[in-house]
């Protein structure tokens, strides 16, 4: 019985750890995406950091990535930046791996 409990606790711990890493990687991806978009909008370094924080916060509106995509898309269009939807989506995918690598490197 003790062996079963130990295994269960180990699996629960791994699940919690993996979920935390996913959350951190998603937040990091959103921050990096915000900085990328800020560059295309011509924001200063200070405003770029503030904007990146807004992008991270926008991810809490609904499940999935569409809330972040809509924020970036709308803001880029409002600033007159010529960035296509495909470019935004491609950058989102690209930054997932970058963010994971960074978060894992910090662990």
Protein backbone atom coordinates (compact mmCIF):
# COMPACT_ATOMS: atom_id res chain seq x y z
CA UNK A 1 0.00 0.00 0.00
CA UNK A 2 2.82 2.41 0.83
CA UNK A 3 4.41 1.83 -2.57
CA UNK A 4 1.14 2.74 -4.29
CA UNK A 5 0.80 5.92 -2.22
CA UNK A 6 4.38 6.91 -2.96
CA UNK A 7 3.85 6.40 -6.68
CA UNK A 8 0.60 8.40 -6.59
CA UNK A 9 2.28 11.27 -4.73
CA UNK A 10 5.15 11.20 -7.19
CA UNK A 11 2.78 11.40 -10.15
CA UNK A 12 0.81 14.23 -8.53
CA UNK A 13 4.04 16.11 -7.90
CA UNK A 14 5.16 15.65 -11.49
CA UNK A 15 1.78 16.80 -12.79
CA UNK A 16 1.91 19.93 -10.63
CA UNK A 17 5.49 20.66 -11.68
CA UNK A 18 4.65 20.19 -15.38
CA UNK A 19 1.59 22.43 -15.07
CA UNK A 20 3.70 25.14 -13.43
CA UNK A 21 6.29 24.95 -16.19
CA UNK A 22 3.57 25.19 -18.87
CA UNK A 23 2.08 28.25 -17.16
CA UNK A 24 5.47 29.95 -16.88
CA UNK A 25 6.33 29.12 -20.51
CA UNK A 26 2.99 30.50 -21.76
CA UNK A 27 3.46 33.70 -19.77
CA UNK A 28 7.03 34.02 -21.07
CA UNK A 29 5.87 33.43 -24.65
CA UNK A 30 3.27 36.17 -24.23
CA UNK A 31 5.86 38.55 -22.83
CA UNK A 32 8.23 37.85 -25.72
CA UNK A 33 5.36 38.25 -28.17
CA UNK A 34 4.44 41.57 -26.58
CA UNK A 35 8.03 42.80 -26.90
CA UNK A 36 8.09 41.67 -30.55
CA UNK A 37 4.82 43.50 -31.28
CA UNK A 38 6.02 46.59 -29.39
CA UNK A 39 9.05 46.72 -31.66
CA UNK A 40 6.77 46.65 -34.72
CA UNK A 41 4.69 49.44 -33.19
CA UNK A 42 7.76 51.58 -32.50
CA UNK A 43 7.31 51.70 -28.73
CA UNK A 44 10.13 52.86 -26.47
CA UNK A 45 11.82 50.32 -24.18
CA UNK A 46 9.80 51.48 -21.18
CA UNK A 47 6.50 51.36 -23.06
CA UNK A 48 7.46 48.01 -24.61
CA UNK A 49 7.82 46.46 -21.15
CA UNK A 50 4.46 47.89 -20.09
CA UNK A 51 2.86 46.63 -23.28
CA UNK A 52 4.36 43.15 -22.80
CA UNK A 53 2.78 43.04 -19.32
CA UNK A 54 -0.58 43.96 -20.90
CA UNK A 55 -0.21 41.08 -23.36
CA UNK A 56 0.54 38.65 -20.51
CA UNK A 57 -2.56 39.89 -18.66
CA UNK A 58 -4.72 39.55 -21.77
CA UNK A 59 -4.20 35.78 -21.69
CA UNK A 60 -6.45 35.51 -18.65
CA UNK A 61 -9.55 36.63 -20.56
CA UNK A 62 -10.36 33.17 -21.94
CA UNK A 63 -8.83 29.75 -22.42
CA UNK A 64 -6.48 29.32 -25.36
CA UNK A 65 -4.40 31.74 -27.37
CA UNK A 66 -7.09 33.64 -29.25
CA UNK A 67 -7.38 36.38 -26.63
CA UNK A 68 -3.65 37.08 -26.95
CA UNK A 69 -3.83 36.93 -30.74
CA UNK A 70 -6.74 39.41 -30.85
CA UNK A 71 -4.90 41.82 -28.53
CA UNK A 72 -1.73 41.78 -30.62
CA UNK A 73 -3.63 41.92 -33.91
CA UNK A 74 -5.82 44.84 -32.83
CA UNK A 75 -2.97 46.84 -31.37
CA UNK A 76 -0.73 46.33 -34.41
CA UNK A 77 -3.53 47.43 -36.74
CA UNK A 78 -4.33 50.44 -34.56
CA UNK A 79 -0.70 51.55 -34.81
CA UNK A 80 -0.65 51.00 -38.56
CA UNK A 81 1.98 48.27 -38.40
CA UNK A 82 2.03 46.09 -41.48
CA UNK A 83 2.11 42.68 -39.80
CA UNK A 84 -0.15 39.96 -41.20
CA UNK A 85 -2.23 37.57 -39.13
CA UNK A 86 -0.05 34.75 -40.44
CA UNK A 87 3.08 36.51 -39.20
CA UNK A 88 1.55 36.92 -35.74
CA UNK A 89 0.51 33.27 -35.56
CA UNK A 90 3.90 32.11 -36.85
CA UNK A 91 5.67 34.22 -34.23
CA UNK A 92 3.41 32.81 -31.51
CA UNK A 93 4.39 29.26 -32.48
CA UNK A 94 8.06 30.16 -32.79
CA UNK A 95 8.16 31.80 -29.38
CA UNK A 96 6.60 28.79 -27.62
CA UNK A 97 9.84 26.85 -27.96
CA UNK A 98 11.99 29.86 -27.10
CA UNK A 99 9.96 30.44 -23.95
CA UNK A 100 10.11 26.77 -22.93
CA UNK A 101 13.87 26.73 -23.39
CA UNK A 102 14.25 29.88 -21.29
CA UNK A 103 12.01 28.61 -18.49
CA UNK A 104 13.70 25.20 -18.42
CA UNK A 105 17.09 26.93 -18.39
CA UNK A 106 16.08 28.82 -15.26
CA UNK A 107 14.91 25.71 -13.40
